[in-house]
N, C-alpha and C. Protein backbone atom coordinates (compact mmCIF):
# COMPACT_ATOMS: atom_id res chain seq x y z
N MET A 1 1.26 -2.47 -4.85
CA MET A 1 2.03 -3.30 -3.92
C MET A 1 1.20 -4.50 -3.49
N MET A 2 1.88 -5.64 -3.32
CA MET A 2 1.22 -6.86 -2.86
C MET A 2 1.46 -7.00 -1.36
N PRO A 3 0.40 -7.24 -0.57
CA PRO A 3 0.59 -7.46 0.87
C PRO A 3 1.49 -8.67 1.12
N GLU A 4 2.49 -8.52 1.98
CA GLU A 4 3.45 -9.60 2.22
C GLU A 4 2.91 -10.65 3.19
N ASN A 5 1.95 -10.27 4.03
CA ASN A 5 1.48 -11.19 5.06
C ASN A 5 0.22 -11.94 4.66
N ARG A 6 0.04 -12.14 3.34
CA ARG A 6 -1.11 -12.89 2.88
C ARG A 6 -0.99 -14.35 3.27
N PRO A 7 -2.13 -15.03 3.50
CA PRO A 7 -2.06 -16.45 3.85
C PRO A 7 -1.75 -17.31 2.63
N ASP A 8 -1.28 -18.53 2.89
CA ASP A 8 -1.10 -19.49 1.80
C ASP A 8 -2.45 -19.83 1.19
N ARG A 9 -2.42 -20.21 -0.07
CA ARG A 9 -3.65 -20.50 -0.81
C ARG A 9 -3.58 -21.89 -1.45
N ASP A 10 -4.74 -22.40 -1.79
CA ASP A 10 -4.78 -23.64 -2.56
C ASP A 10 -4.33 -23.38 -4.00
N VAL A 11 -4.83 -22.28 -4.57
CA VAL A 11 -4.58 -21.99 -5.99
C VAL A 11 -4.28 -20.50 -6.15
N SER A 12 -3.29 -20.19 -7.00
CA SER A 12 -3.04 -18.83 -7.44
C SER A 12 -3.24 -18.78 -8.95
N VAL A 13 -4.11 -17.89 -9.40
CA VAL A 13 -4.33 -17.69 -10.84
C VAL A 13 -3.70 -16.36 -11.23
N ILE A 14 -2.76 -16.40 -12.16
CA ILE A 14 -2.04 -15.20 -12.58
C ILE A 14 -2.54 -14.77 -13.95
N LEU A 15 -2.95 -13.51 -14.03
CA LEU A 15 -3.50 -12.96 -15.27
C LEU A 15 -2.65 -11.78 -15.71
N PRO A 16 -1.77 -11.97 -16.69
CA PRO A 16 -0.97 -10.86 -17.21
C PRO A 16 -1.79 -10.01 -18.18
N THR A 17 -1.85 -8.71 -17.97
CA THR A 17 -2.73 -7.88 -18.78
C THR A 17 -2.01 -6.69 -19.41
N TYR A 18 -2.49 -6.32 -20.58
CA TYR A 18 -2.14 -5.05 -21.23
C TYR A 18 -3.32 -4.69 -22.13
N ASN A 19 -4.00 -3.63 -21.76
CA ASN A 19 -5.17 -3.15 -22.51
C ASN A 19 -6.25 -4.23 -22.64
N GLU A 20 -6.72 -4.70 -21.48
CA GLU A 20 -7.81 -5.69 -21.42
C GLU A 20 -8.98 -5.16 -20.60
N ARG A 21 -9.23 -3.87 -20.67
CA ARG A 21 -10.25 -3.25 -19.84
C ARG A 21 -11.63 -3.89 -20.03
N GLU A 22 -11.98 -4.22 -21.25
CA GLU A 22 -13.31 -4.76 -21.52
C GLU A 22 -13.45 -6.20 -21.03
N ASN A 23 -12.34 -6.91 -21.00
CA ASN A 23 -12.38 -8.34 -20.66
C ASN A 23 -12.14 -8.64 -19.18
N ILE A 24 -11.35 -7.81 -18.52
CA ILE A 24 -10.79 -8.24 -17.23
C ILE A 24 -11.85 -8.44 -16.15
N GLY A 25 -12.87 -7.61 -16.11
CA GLY A 25 -13.90 -7.77 -15.09
C GLY A 25 -14.65 -9.09 -15.21
N PRO A 26 -15.26 -9.36 -16.37
CA PRO A 26 -15.94 -10.64 -16.55
C PRO A 26 -15.00 -11.84 -16.38
N LEU A 27 -13.76 -11.70 -16.82
CA LEU A 27 -12.81 -12.80 -16.71
C LEU A 27 -12.53 -13.13 -15.24
N ILE A 28 -12.27 -12.12 -14.43
CA ILE A 28 -11.98 -12.34 -13.01
C ILE A 28 -13.15 -13.04 -12.33
N ARG A 29 -14.35 -12.60 -12.61
CA ARG A 29 -15.52 -13.20 -11.97
C ARG A 29 -15.69 -14.66 -12.40
N GLU A 30 -15.42 -14.96 -13.66
CA GLU A 30 -15.52 -16.35 -14.11
C GLU A 30 -14.43 -17.22 -13.50
N VAL A 31 -13.24 -16.66 -13.35
CA VAL A 31 -12.16 -17.43 -12.72
C VAL A 31 -12.54 -17.81 -11.30
N PHE A 32 -13.04 -16.85 -10.53
CA PHE A 32 -13.46 -17.16 -9.16
C PHE A 32 -14.60 -18.18 -9.14
N GLU A 33 -15.46 -18.12 -10.15
CA GLU A 33 -16.60 -19.04 -10.22
C GLU A 33 -16.15 -20.48 -10.42
N HIS A 34 -15.01 -20.69 -11.09
CA HIS A 34 -14.59 -22.03 -11.46
C HIS A 34 -13.34 -22.50 -10.72
N THR A 35 -13.04 -21.87 -9.59
CA THR A 35 -11.89 -22.28 -8.79
C THR A 35 -12.32 -22.46 -7.34
N PRO A 36 -11.51 -23.15 -6.52
CA PRO A 36 -11.87 -23.37 -5.11
C PRO A 36 -11.99 -22.06 -4.34
N PRO A 37 -12.71 -22.09 -3.21
CA PRO A 37 -12.90 -20.86 -2.41
C PRO A 37 -11.60 -20.20 -1.97
N ASN A 38 -10.57 -21.01 -1.72
CA ASN A 38 -9.31 -20.47 -1.23
C ASN A 38 -8.35 -20.14 -2.37
N THR A 39 -8.89 -19.55 -3.42
CA THR A 39 -8.10 -19.16 -4.58
C THR A 39 -7.81 -17.66 -4.54
N GLU A 40 -6.60 -17.29 -4.93
CA GLU A 40 -6.28 -15.88 -5.14
C GLU A 40 -6.07 -15.64 -6.63
N VAL A 41 -6.48 -14.46 -7.07
CA VAL A 41 -6.24 -14.03 -8.45
C VAL A 41 -5.30 -12.84 -8.41
N ILE A 42 -4.21 -12.94 -9.15
CA ILE A 42 -3.22 -11.87 -9.23
C ILE A 42 -3.20 -11.33 -10.65
N VAL A 43 -3.60 -10.09 -10.82
CA VAL A 43 -3.53 -9.43 -12.12
C VAL A 43 -2.22 -8.65 -12.18
N VAL A 44 -1.40 -8.98 -13.16
CA VAL A 44 -0.13 -8.28 -13.36
C VAL A 44 -0.29 -7.40 -14.60
N ASP A 45 -0.46 -6.11 -14.36
CA ASP A 45 -0.79 -5.19 -15.46
C ASP A 45 0.39 -4.28 -15.76
N ASP A 46 0.73 -4.18 -17.03
CA ASP A 46 1.86 -3.34 -17.45
C ASP A 46 1.41 -1.90 -17.71
N ASN A 47 0.74 -1.33 -16.70
CA ASN A 47 0.31 0.07 -16.75
C ASN A 47 -0.50 0.36 -18.01
N SER A 48 -1.51 -0.44 -18.25
CA SER A 48 -2.30 -0.34 -19.49
C SER A 48 -2.86 1.06 -19.71
N PRO A 49 -2.64 1.64 -20.89
CA PRO A 49 -3.20 2.97 -21.19
C PRO A 49 -4.73 3.01 -21.14
N ASP A 50 -5.38 1.85 -21.36
CA ASP A 50 -6.85 1.85 -21.34
C ASP A 50 -7.42 1.76 -19.93
N GLY A 51 -6.54 1.71 -18.92
CA GLY A 51 -7.02 1.70 -17.54
C GLY A 51 -7.46 0.34 -17.03
N THR A 52 -6.92 -0.73 -17.59
CA THR A 52 -7.25 -2.07 -17.08
C THR A 52 -7.05 -2.14 -15.58
N TRP A 53 -5.94 -1.61 -15.11
CA TRP A 53 -5.61 -1.66 -13.68
C TRP A 53 -6.65 -0.94 -12.82
N GLN A 54 -7.29 0.10 -13.38
CA GLN A 54 -8.32 0.83 -12.63
C GLN A 54 -9.55 -0.05 -12.41
N VAL A 55 -9.90 -0.86 -13.40
CA VAL A 55 -11.02 -1.79 -13.25
C VAL A 55 -10.72 -2.77 -12.12
N VAL A 56 -9.50 -3.28 -12.11
CA VAL A 56 -9.10 -4.25 -11.08
C VAL A 56 -9.12 -3.59 -9.70
N GLU A 57 -8.59 -2.39 -9.61
CA GLU A 57 -8.61 -1.66 -8.33
C GLU A 57 -10.02 -1.53 -7.79
N GLU A 58 -10.96 -1.21 -8.64
CA GLU A 58 -12.34 -1.05 -8.21
C GLU A 58 -12.92 -2.39 -7.75
N MET A 59 -12.59 -3.46 -8.46
CA MET A 59 -13.11 -4.77 -8.10
C MET A 59 -12.55 -5.28 -6.77
N GLN A 60 -11.36 -4.83 -6.43
CA GLN A 60 -10.74 -5.26 -5.18
C GLN A 60 -11.57 -4.89 -3.95
N LYS A 61 -12.39 -3.88 -4.09
CA LYS A 61 -13.22 -3.45 -2.95
C LYS A 61 -14.21 -4.55 -2.54
N ASP A 62 -14.61 -5.38 -3.50
CA ASP A 62 -15.59 -6.43 -3.23
C ASP A 62 -15.00 -7.84 -3.25
N LEU A 63 -13.74 -7.96 -3.68
CA LEU A 63 -13.12 -9.28 -3.83
C LEU A 63 -11.80 -9.31 -3.05
N PRO A 64 -11.84 -9.77 -1.81
CA PRO A 64 -10.65 -9.72 -0.97
C PRO A 64 -9.50 -10.62 -1.44
N ASN A 65 -9.79 -11.60 -2.28
CA ASN A 65 -8.74 -12.49 -2.78
C ASN A 65 -8.21 -12.06 -4.14
N LEU A 66 -8.52 -10.83 -4.54
CA LEU A 66 -8.04 -10.28 -5.81
C LEU A 66 -6.91 -9.30 -5.52
N TYR A 67 -5.79 -9.47 -6.24
CA TYR A 67 -4.63 -8.61 -6.03
C TYR A 67 -4.17 -8.03 -7.36
N LEU A 68 -3.61 -6.85 -7.29
CA LEU A 68 -3.14 -6.14 -8.47
C LEU A 68 -1.66 -5.80 -8.34
N MET A 69 -0.89 -6.15 -9.37
CA MET A 69 0.48 -5.68 -9.51
C MET A 69 0.50 -4.75 -10.72
N ARG A 70 0.64 -3.47 -10.48
CA ARG A 70 0.72 -2.51 -11.58
C ARG A 70 2.18 -2.17 -11.82
N ARG A 71 2.68 -2.60 -12.97
CA ARG A 71 4.10 -2.44 -13.28
C ARG A 71 4.28 -1.18 -14.14
N ILE A 72 4.95 -0.21 -13.61
CA ILE A 72 5.12 1.07 -14.30
C ILE A 72 6.28 1.02 -15.28
N ASP A 73 7.37 0.39 -14.89
CA ASP A 73 8.60 0.46 -15.68
C ASP A 73 9.02 -0.88 -16.27
N LYS A 74 8.13 -1.87 -16.27
CA LYS A 74 8.46 -3.17 -16.83
C LYS A 74 7.42 -3.57 -17.86
N ARG A 75 7.84 -4.37 -18.83
CA ARG A 75 6.95 -4.83 -19.88
C ARG A 75 7.27 -6.28 -20.20
N GLY A 76 6.28 -6.98 -20.73
CA GLY A 76 6.53 -8.30 -21.28
C GLY A 76 5.78 -9.40 -20.58
N LEU A 77 5.34 -10.39 -21.39
CA LEU A 77 4.53 -11.48 -20.88
C LEU A 77 5.29 -12.36 -19.89
N ALA A 78 6.46 -12.84 -20.29
CA ALA A 78 7.19 -13.76 -19.43
C ALA A 78 7.61 -13.10 -18.13
N SER A 79 8.05 -11.85 -18.19
CA SER A 79 8.46 -11.17 -16.96
C SER A 79 7.26 -10.90 -16.06
N ALA A 80 6.09 -10.64 -16.65
CA ALA A 80 4.87 -10.48 -15.85
C ALA A 80 4.53 -11.78 -15.13
N LEU A 81 4.66 -12.90 -15.82
CA LEU A 81 4.39 -14.19 -15.19
C LEU A 81 5.39 -14.47 -14.08
N ARG A 82 6.66 -14.16 -14.30
CA ARG A 82 7.67 -14.38 -13.26
C ARG A 82 7.35 -13.55 -12.02
N ASP A 83 6.97 -12.29 -12.21
CA ASP A 83 6.62 -11.44 -11.08
C ASP A 83 5.38 -11.96 -10.36
N GLY A 84 4.39 -12.42 -11.13
CA GLY A 84 3.18 -12.96 -10.51
C GLY A 84 3.46 -14.23 -9.73
N ILE A 85 4.29 -15.10 -10.28
CA ILE A 85 4.67 -16.33 -9.59
C ILE A 85 5.40 -16.01 -8.29
N ALA A 86 6.33 -15.06 -8.35
CA ALA A 86 7.11 -14.71 -7.17
C ALA A 86 6.22 -14.18 -6.05
N ALA A 87 5.14 -13.52 -6.41
CA ALA A 87 4.24 -12.94 -5.40
C ALA A 87 3.16 -13.91 -4.94
N SER A 88 2.98 -15.01 -5.67
CA SER A 88 1.84 -15.90 -5.41
C SER A 88 2.04 -16.73 -4.15
N LYS A 89 0.92 -17.22 -3.60
CA LYS A 89 0.92 -18.02 -2.37
C LYS A 89 0.30 -19.40 -2.57
N GLY A 90 -0.08 -19.73 -3.78
CA GLY A 90 -0.81 -20.97 -4.02
C GLY A 90 0.07 -22.20 -4.11
N ARG A 91 -0.46 -23.34 -3.68
CA ARG A 91 0.21 -24.63 -3.87
C ARG A 91 0.17 -25.03 -5.33
N ILE A 92 -0.87 -24.58 -6.03
CA ILE A 92 -1.00 -24.81 -7.47
C ILE A 92 -1.07 -23.44 -8.13
N ILE A 93 -0.31 -23.28 -9.21
CA ILE A 93 -0.27 -22.01 -9.94
C ILE A 93 -0.87 -22.21 -11.32
N VAL A 94 -1.71 -21.27 -11.71
CA VAL A 94 -2.38 -21.30 -13.01
C VAL A 94 -2.12 -19.98 -13.70
N TRP A 95 -1.91 -20.02 -14.99
CA TRP A 95 -1.95 -18.75 -15.73
C TRP A 95 -2.65 -18.92 -17.06
N SER A 96 -3.11 -17.78 -17.58
CA SER A 96 -3.94 -17.79 -18.78
C SER A 96 -3.87 -16.43 -19.45
N ASP A 97 -4.11 -16.41 -20.75
CA ASP A 97 -4.34 -15.14 -21.43
C ASP A 97 -5.63 -14.52 -20.91
N CYS A 98 -5.83 -13.24 -21.21
CA CYS A 98 -6.96 -12.52 -20.62
C CYS A 98 -7.97 -12.03 -21.65
N ASP A 99 -7.97 -12.63 -22.84
CA ASP A 99 -8.88 -12.20 -23.89
C ASP A 99 -10.01 -13.20 -24.13
N PHE A 100 -10.20 -14.12 -23.17
CA PHE A 100 -11.21 -15.17 -23.27
C PHE A 100 -10.91 -16.19 -24.37
N SER A 101 -9.69 -16.18 -24.91
CA SER A 101 -9.33 -17.23 -25.87
C SER A 101 -9.15 -18.56 -25.16
N MET A 102 -8.98 -18.52 -23.85
CA MET A 102 -8.86 -19.72 -23.02
C MET A 102 -10.02 -19.71 -22.02
N PRO A 103 -10.97 -20.61 -22.13
CA PRO A 103 -12.19 -20.54 -21.31
C PRO A 103 -11.88 -20.71 -19.82
N PRO A 104 -12.27 -19.77 -18.97
CA PRO A 104 -12.02 -19.89 -17.53
C PRO A 104 -12.63 -21.15 -16.93
N ALA A 105 -13.74 -21.63 -17.48
CA ALA A 105 -14.36 -22.84 -16.95
C ALA A 105 -13.43 -24.04 -17.04
N LYS A 106 -12.49 -24.02 -17.99
CA LYS A 106 -11.58 -25.14 -18.16
C LYS A 106 -10.50 -25.18 -17.08
N ILE A 107 -10.36 -24.11 -16.29
CA ILE A 107 -9.41 -24.16 -15.18
C ILE A 107 -9.77 -25.30 -14.23
N ALA A 108 -11.06 -25.53 -14.04
CA ALA A 108 -11.49 -26.64 -13.18
C ALA A 108 -10.97 -27.97 -13.69
N ASP A 109 -10.92 -28.15 -15.01
CA ASP A 109 -10.38 -29.39 -15.58
C ASP A 109 -8.88 -29.51 -15.33
N LEU A 110 -8.17 -28.40 -15.44
CA LEU A 110 -6.73 -28.42 -15.17
C LEU A 110 -6.47 -28.78 -13.71
N LEU A 111 -7.23 -28.18 -12.80
CA LEU A 111 -7.06 -28.46 -11.38
C LEU A 111 -7.41 -29.91 -11.06
N ALA A 112 -8.43 -30.45 -11.72
CA ALA A 112 -8.80 -31.85 -11.51
C ALA A 112 -7.67 -32.77 -11.96
N ALA A 113 -6.99 -32.42 -13.05
CA ALA A 113 -5.87 -33.23 -13.52
C ALA A 113 -4.72 -33.20 -12.51
N ILE A 114 -4.46 -32.03 -11.95
CA ILE A 114 -3.43 -31.93 -10.90
C ILE A 114 -3.86 -32.74 -9.68
N GLY A 115 -5.12 -32.63 -9.30
CA GLY A 115 -5.63 -33.39 -8.17
C GLY A 115 -5.55 -34.89 -8.40
N GLY A 116 -5.55 -35.30 -9.65
CA GLY A 116 -5.44 -36.71 -10.01
C GLY A 116 -4.02 -37.23 -10.01
N GLY A 117 -3.05 -36.37 -9.70
CA GLY A 117 -1.67 -36.83 -9.56
C GLY A 117 -0.67 -36.23 -10.51
N LEU A 118 -1.11 -35.44 -11.48
CA LEU A 118 -0.15 -34.82 -12.40
C LEU A 118 0.58 -33.65 -11.74
N ASP A 119 1.78 -33.37 -12.23
CA ASP A 119 2.53 -32.19 -11.79
C ASP A 119 2.17 -30.97 -12.62
N VAL A 120 1.88 -31.21 -13.90
CA VAL A 120 1.60 -30.13 -14.86
C VAL A 120 0.40 -30.54 -15.71
N ALA A 121 -0.52 -29.61 -15.92
CA ALA A 121 -1.65 -29.85 -16.81
C ALA A 121 -1.78 -28.66 -17.76
N VAL A 122 -1.98 -28.96 -19.04
CA VAL A 122 -2.02 -27.91 -20.06
C VAL A 122 -3.33 -27.99 -20.83
N GLY A 123 -3.97 -26.86 -21.01
CA GLY A 123 -5.15 -26.78 -21.86
C GLY A 123 -4.72 -26.66 -23.31
N SER A 124 -5.22 -27.57 -24.14
CA SER A 124 -4.78 -27.62 -25.53
C SER A 124 -5.93 -27.42 -26.50
N ARG A 125 -5.63 -26.78 -27.60
CA ARG A 125 -6.58 -26.64 -28.70
C ARG A 125 -6.63 -27.88 -29.56
N TYR A 126 -5.62 -28.76 -29.42
CA TYR A 126 -5.43 -29.84 -30.38
C TYR A 126 -5.74 -31.22 -29.80
N VAL A 127 -6.54 -31.29 -28.75
CA VAL A 127 -6.99 -32.57 -28.21
C VAL A 127 -8.49 -32.69 -28.46
N LYS A 128 -9.01 -33.90 -28.24
CA LYS A 128 -10.43 -34.11 -28.43
C LYS A 128 -11.21 -33.15 -27.53
N GLY A 129 -12.15 -32.43 -28.10
CA GLY A 129 -12.91 -31.44 -27.35
C GLY A 129 -12.33 -30.05 -27.42
N GLY A 130 -11.08 -29.94 -27.91
CA GLY A 130 -10.47 -28.63 -28.07
C GLY A 130 -10.87 -28.02 -29.40
N GLY A 131 -10.28 -26.87 -29.70
CA GLY A 131 -10.58 -26.23 -30.98
C GLY A 131 -10.26 -24.77 -30.95
N VAL A 132 -10.47 -24.12 -32.07
CA VAL A 132 -10.19 -22.70 -32.24
C VAL A 132 -11.37 -22.05 -32.93
N GLN A 133 -11.77 -20.91 -32.40
CA GLN A 133 -12.80 -20.11 -33.06
C GLN A 133 -12.20 -18.76 -33.39
N ILE A 134 -12.17 -18.41 -34.67
CA ILE A 134 -11.62 -17.13 -35.08
C ILE A 134 -12.69 -16.06 -34.88
N VAL A 135 -12.40 -15.09 -34.02
CA VAL A 135 -13.35 -14.04 -33.69
C VAL A 135 -12.98 -12.78 -34.45
N SER A 136 -13.89 -12.24 -35.21
CA SER A 136 -13.63 -11.03 -35.98
C SER A 136 -13.27 -9.87 -35.07
N GLY A 137 -12.18 -9.18 -35.40
CA GLY A 137 -11.75 -8.03 -34.61
C GLY A 137 -10.82 -8.36 -33.47
N SER A 138 -10.56 -9.66 -33.22
CA SER A 138 -9.67 -10.04 -32.13
C SER A 138 -8.25 -10.15 -32.65
N ASN A 139 -7.31 -10.38 -31.70
CA ASN A 139 -5.92 -10.57 -32.09
C ASN A 139 -5.68 -11.97 -32.64
N ASP A 140 -6.62 -12.88 -32.43
CA ASP A 140 -6.46 -14.26 -32.89
C ASP A 140 -6.98 -14.39 -34.31
N THR A 141 -6.17 -13.94 -35.26
CA THR A 141 -6.56 -13.98 -36.67
C THR A 141 -6.34 -15.37 -37.23
N LEU A 142 -6.91 -15.61 -38.40
CA LEU A 142 -6.71 -16.88 -39.09
C LEU A 142 -5.22 -17.10 -39.37
N LEU A 143 -4.51 -16.05 -39.75
CA LEU A 143 -3.08 -16.18 -40.02
C LEU A 143 -2.32 -16.60 -38.76
N ALA A 144 -2.67 -15.98 -37.62
CA ALA A 144 -2.00 -16.34 -36.37
C ALA A 144 -2.26 -17.81 -36.02
N HIS A 145 -3.49 -18.26 -36.26
CA HIS A 145 -3.82 -19.66 -35.99
C HIS A 145 -3.01 -20.60 -36.88
N LEU A 146 -2.94 -20.28 -38.16
CA LEU A 146 -2.19 -21.14 -39.08
C LEU A 146 -0.71 -21.16 -38.72
N MET A 147 -0.18 -20.03 -38.28
CA MET A 147 1.22 -19.98 -37.86
C MET A 147 1.44 -20.84 -36.62
N SER A 148 0.47 -20.81 -35.70
CA SER A 148 0.57 -21.63 -34.49
C SER A 148 0.55 -23.12 -34.83
N VAL A 149 -0.35 -23.51 -35.72
CA VAL A 149 -0.42 -24.91 -36.13
C VAL A 149 0.89 -25.36 -36.76
N THR A 150 1.43 -24.52 -37.66
CA THR A 150 2.68 -24.85 -38.34
C THR A 150 3.83 -24.95 -37.34
N LEU A 151 3.90 -24.00 -36.41
CA LEU A 151 4.97 -24.00 -35.41
C LEU A 151 4.88 -25.24 -34.53
N ASN A 152 3.66 -25.59 -34.12
CA ASN A 152 3.49 -26.78 -33.28
C ASN A 152 3.94 -28.05 -34.00
N LYS A 153 3.61 -28.16 -35.27
CA LYS A 153 4.03 -29.34 -36.02
C LYS A 153 5.54 -29.44 -36.08
N PHE A 154 6.19 -28.31 -36.29
CA PHE A 154 7.66 -28.31 -36.36
C PHE A 154 8.27 -28.67 -35.00
N ILE A 155 7.76 -28.05 -33.94
CA ILE A 155 8.32 -28.30 -32.60
C ILE A 155 8.11 -29.75 -32.19
N ARG A 156 6.97 -30.32 -32.54
CA ARG A 156 6.71 -31.71 -32.19
C ARG A 156 7.68 -32.65 -32.90
N ARG A 157 8.08 -32.31 -34.11
CA ARG A 157 9.08 -33.13 -34.80
C ARG A 157 10.42 -33.08 -34.08
N VAL A 158 10.75 -31.92 -33.52
CA VAL A 158 12.05 -31.73 -32.86
C VAL A 158 12.04 -32.24 -31.43
N LEU A 159 10.99 -31.92 -30.67
CA LEU A 159 10.98 -32.19 -29.23
C LEU A 159 10.16 -33.41 -28.82
N GLY A 160 9.35 -33.93 -29.73
CA GLY A 160 8.58 -35.13 -29.39
C GLY A 160 7.12 -34.99 -29.73
N ARG A 161 6.58 -36.02 -30.32
CA ARG A 161 5.21 -35.99 -30.81
C ARG A 161 4.17 -36.34 -29.74
N ASP A 162 4.63 -36.71 -28.55
CA ASP A 162 3.68 -37.12 -27.53
C ASP A 162 3.18 -35.94 -26.70
N PHE A 163 3.51 -34.73 -27.11
CA PHE A 163 2.92 -33.53 -26.51
C PHE A 163 2.43 -32.65 -27.65
N GLY A 164 1.18 -32.16 -27.55
CA GLY A 164 0.54 -31.60 -28.73
C GLY A 164 0.47 -30.11 -28.88
N ASP A 165 0.70 -29.32 -27.81
CA ASP A 165 0.43 -27.88 -27.92
C ASP A 165 1.50 -27.07 -27.21
N TYR A 166 2.62 -26.91 -27.89
CA TYR A 166 3.76 -26.20 -27.31
C TYR A 166 3.58 -24.69 -27.29
N THR A 167 2.48 -24.19 -27.83
CA THR A 167 2.24 -22.74 -27.82
C THR A 167 0.94 -22.41 -27.07
N SER A 168 0.54 -23.28 -26.15
CA SER A 168 -0.74 -23.10 -25.46
C SER A 168 -0.77 -21.86 -24.56
N GLY A 169 0.08 -21.84 -23.54
CA GLY A 169 0.06 -20.73 -22.58
C GLY A 169 -1.09 -20.79 -21.59
N PHE A 170 -1.73 -21.96 -21.47
CA PHE A 170 -2.85 -22.16 -20.53
C PHE A 170 -2.48 -23.37 -19.68
N ILE A 171 -2.10 -23.14 -18.42
CA ILE A 171 -1.39 -24.18 -17.67
C ILE A 171 -1.69 -24.10 -16.18
N ALA A 172 -1.62 -25.25 -15.54
CA ALA A 172 -1.64 -25.35 -14.08
C ALA A 172 -0.49 -26.27 -13.68
N PHE A 173 0.18 -25.96 -12.57
CA PHE A 173 1.28 -26.81 -12.12
C PHE A 173 1.49 -26.66 -10.63
N ARG A 174 2.11 -27.68 -10.05
CA ARG A 174 2.41 -27.68 -8.62
C ARG A 174 3.58 -26.73 -8.34
N ARG A 175 3.46 -25.91 -7.31
CA ARG A 175 4.51 -24.94 -6.98
C ARG A 175 5.87 -25.61 -6.79
N ARG A 176 5.86 -26.79 -6.22
CA ARG A 176 7.14 -27.43 -5.86
C ARG A 176 8.04 -27.67 -7.07
N ILE A 177 7.47 -27.75 -8.27
CA ILE A 177 8.35 -28.00 -9.41
C ILE A 177 9.23 -26.80 -9.73
N LEU A 178 8.88 -25.63 -9.19
CA LEU A 178 9.69 -24.44 -9.43
C LEU A 178 11.06 -24.53 -8.77
N ASP A 179 11.21 -25.46 -7.81
CA ASP A 179 12.52 -25.68 -7.21
C ASP A 179 13.53 -26.15 -8.24
N ARG A 180 13.03 -26.76 -9.30
CA ARG A 180 13.92 -27.28 -10.34
C ARG A 180 13.66 -26.68 -11.71
N LEU A 181 12.66 -25.82 -11.80
CA LEU A 181 12.21 -25.38 -13.13
C LEU A 181 11.78 -23.91 -13.10
N ALA A 182 12.75 -23.02 -13.24
CA ALA A 182 12.43 -21.59 -13.27
C ALA A 182 11.90 -21.21 -14.66
N LEU A 183 11.08 -20.18 -14.69
CA LEU A 183 10.53 -19.70 -15.96
C LEU A 183 11.57 -18.83 -16.66
N ARG A 184 11.88 -19.19 -17.91
CA ARG A 184 12.89 -18.46 -18.68
C ARG A 184 12.27 -17.91 -19.95
N GLY A 185 12.97 -16.98 -20.59
CA GLY A 185 12.53 -16.45 -21.87
C GLY A 185 11.88 -15.09 -21.75
N ASP A 186 11.46 -14.56 -22.89
CA ASP A 186 10.90 -13.22 -22.96
C ASP A 186 9.46 -13.19 -23.42
N TYR A 187 9.13 -14.00 -24.41
CA TYR A 187 7.74 -13.97 -24.89
C TYR A 187 7.26 -15.41 -25.13
N GLY A 188 6.84 -15.74 -26.33
CA GLY A 188 6.21 -17.03 -26.57
C GLY A 188 7.10 -18.23 -26.33
N GLU A 189 8.41 -18.04 -26.50
CA GLU A 189 9.32 -19.17 -26.33
C GLU A 189 9.39 -19.67 -24.89
N TYR A 190 8.96 -18.84 -23.94
CA TYR A 190 9.01 -19.24 -22.53
C TYR A 190 8.22 -20.53 -22.31
N PHE A 191 7.08 -20.67 -22.99
CA PHE A 191 6.21 -21.83 -22.76
C PHE A 191 6.82 -23.09 -23.36
N ILE A 192 7.37 -22.96 -24.56
CA ILE A 192 8.04 -24.10 -25.19
C ILE A 192 9.16 -24.60 -24.29
N ASP A 193 9.98 -23.68 -23.80
CA ASP A 193 11.10 -24.02 -22.94
C ASP A 193 10.63 -24.66 -21.64
N PHE A 194 9.59 -24.10 -21.03
CA PHE A 194 9.08 -24.60 -19.76
C PHE A 194 8.57 -26.04 -19.90
N ILE A 195 7.77 -26.29 -20.92
CA ILE A 195 7.21 -27.62 -21.12
C ILE A 195 8.30 -28.62 -21.48
N HIS A 196 9.22 -28.24 -22.34
CA HIS A 196 10.29 -29.16 -22.74
C HIS A 196 11.12 -29.57 -21.53
N ARG A 197 11.51 -28.61 -20.69
CA ARG A 197 12.32 -28.94 -19.52
C ARG A 197 11.52 -29.72 -18.47
N ALA A 198 10.24 -29.42 -18.34
CA ALA A 198 9.39 -30.16 -17.39
C ALA A 198 9.34 -31.63 -17.79
N ARG A 199 9.19 -31.89 -19.07
CA ARG A 199 9.14 -33.28 -19.54
C ARG A 199 10.50 -33.97 -19.36
N LYS A 200 11.59 -33.26 -19.64
CA LYS A 200 12.91 -33.86 -19.48
C LYS A 200 13.20 -34.20 -18.02
N LEU A 201 12.66 -33.41 -17.10
CA LEU A 201 12.89 -33.64 -15.67
C LEU A 201 11.95 -34.71 -15.11
N GLY A 202 11.04 -35.19 -15.92
CA GLY A 202 10.18 -36.27 -15.49
C GLY A 202 8.89 -35.84 -14.82
N PHE A 203 8.55 -34.56 -14.90
CA PHE A 203 7.27 -34.10 -14.33
C PHE A 203 6.13 -34.51 -15.23
């Protein structure tokens, strides 16, 4: 359960997890290291069999701005993000994968972009300084990377070439845009839809 009387925050970082026991502890600590003091981290765990949620529960004893949503009867990335957003208190909302494929240190860059006047900032593999490293034994296989590149090229032809990474899933945005832009979809398509509608609305 999430405490209802939590104070408002500058930033809410939402981490959707399923079987990330080895990663979640170091990831949470790095997120706090690279975000403002008034940041909350919300881990939305789909009752991971490996006990990811137990690691988070233990860490909560030392980290008062860390919160856990353990979902027993729900599954899915987009629904986890929707639940995390609904529970969040931050003026700026950030979310990221939890396997270190998205460097937590880069959250500071996303927040700086928002602080510079943007409504939405996205971490991309396909901009100068970005890139992909295929790690043996991870879910990010060479085939998955090639499929992502191919999908992005196709989507850019359809939706516009002035945005480069429609499958990123590493984002920061101002809470107020949710008044006009609810998160839709079930899995990977949620991000494509979110970015496309954000651009159409002029954010």
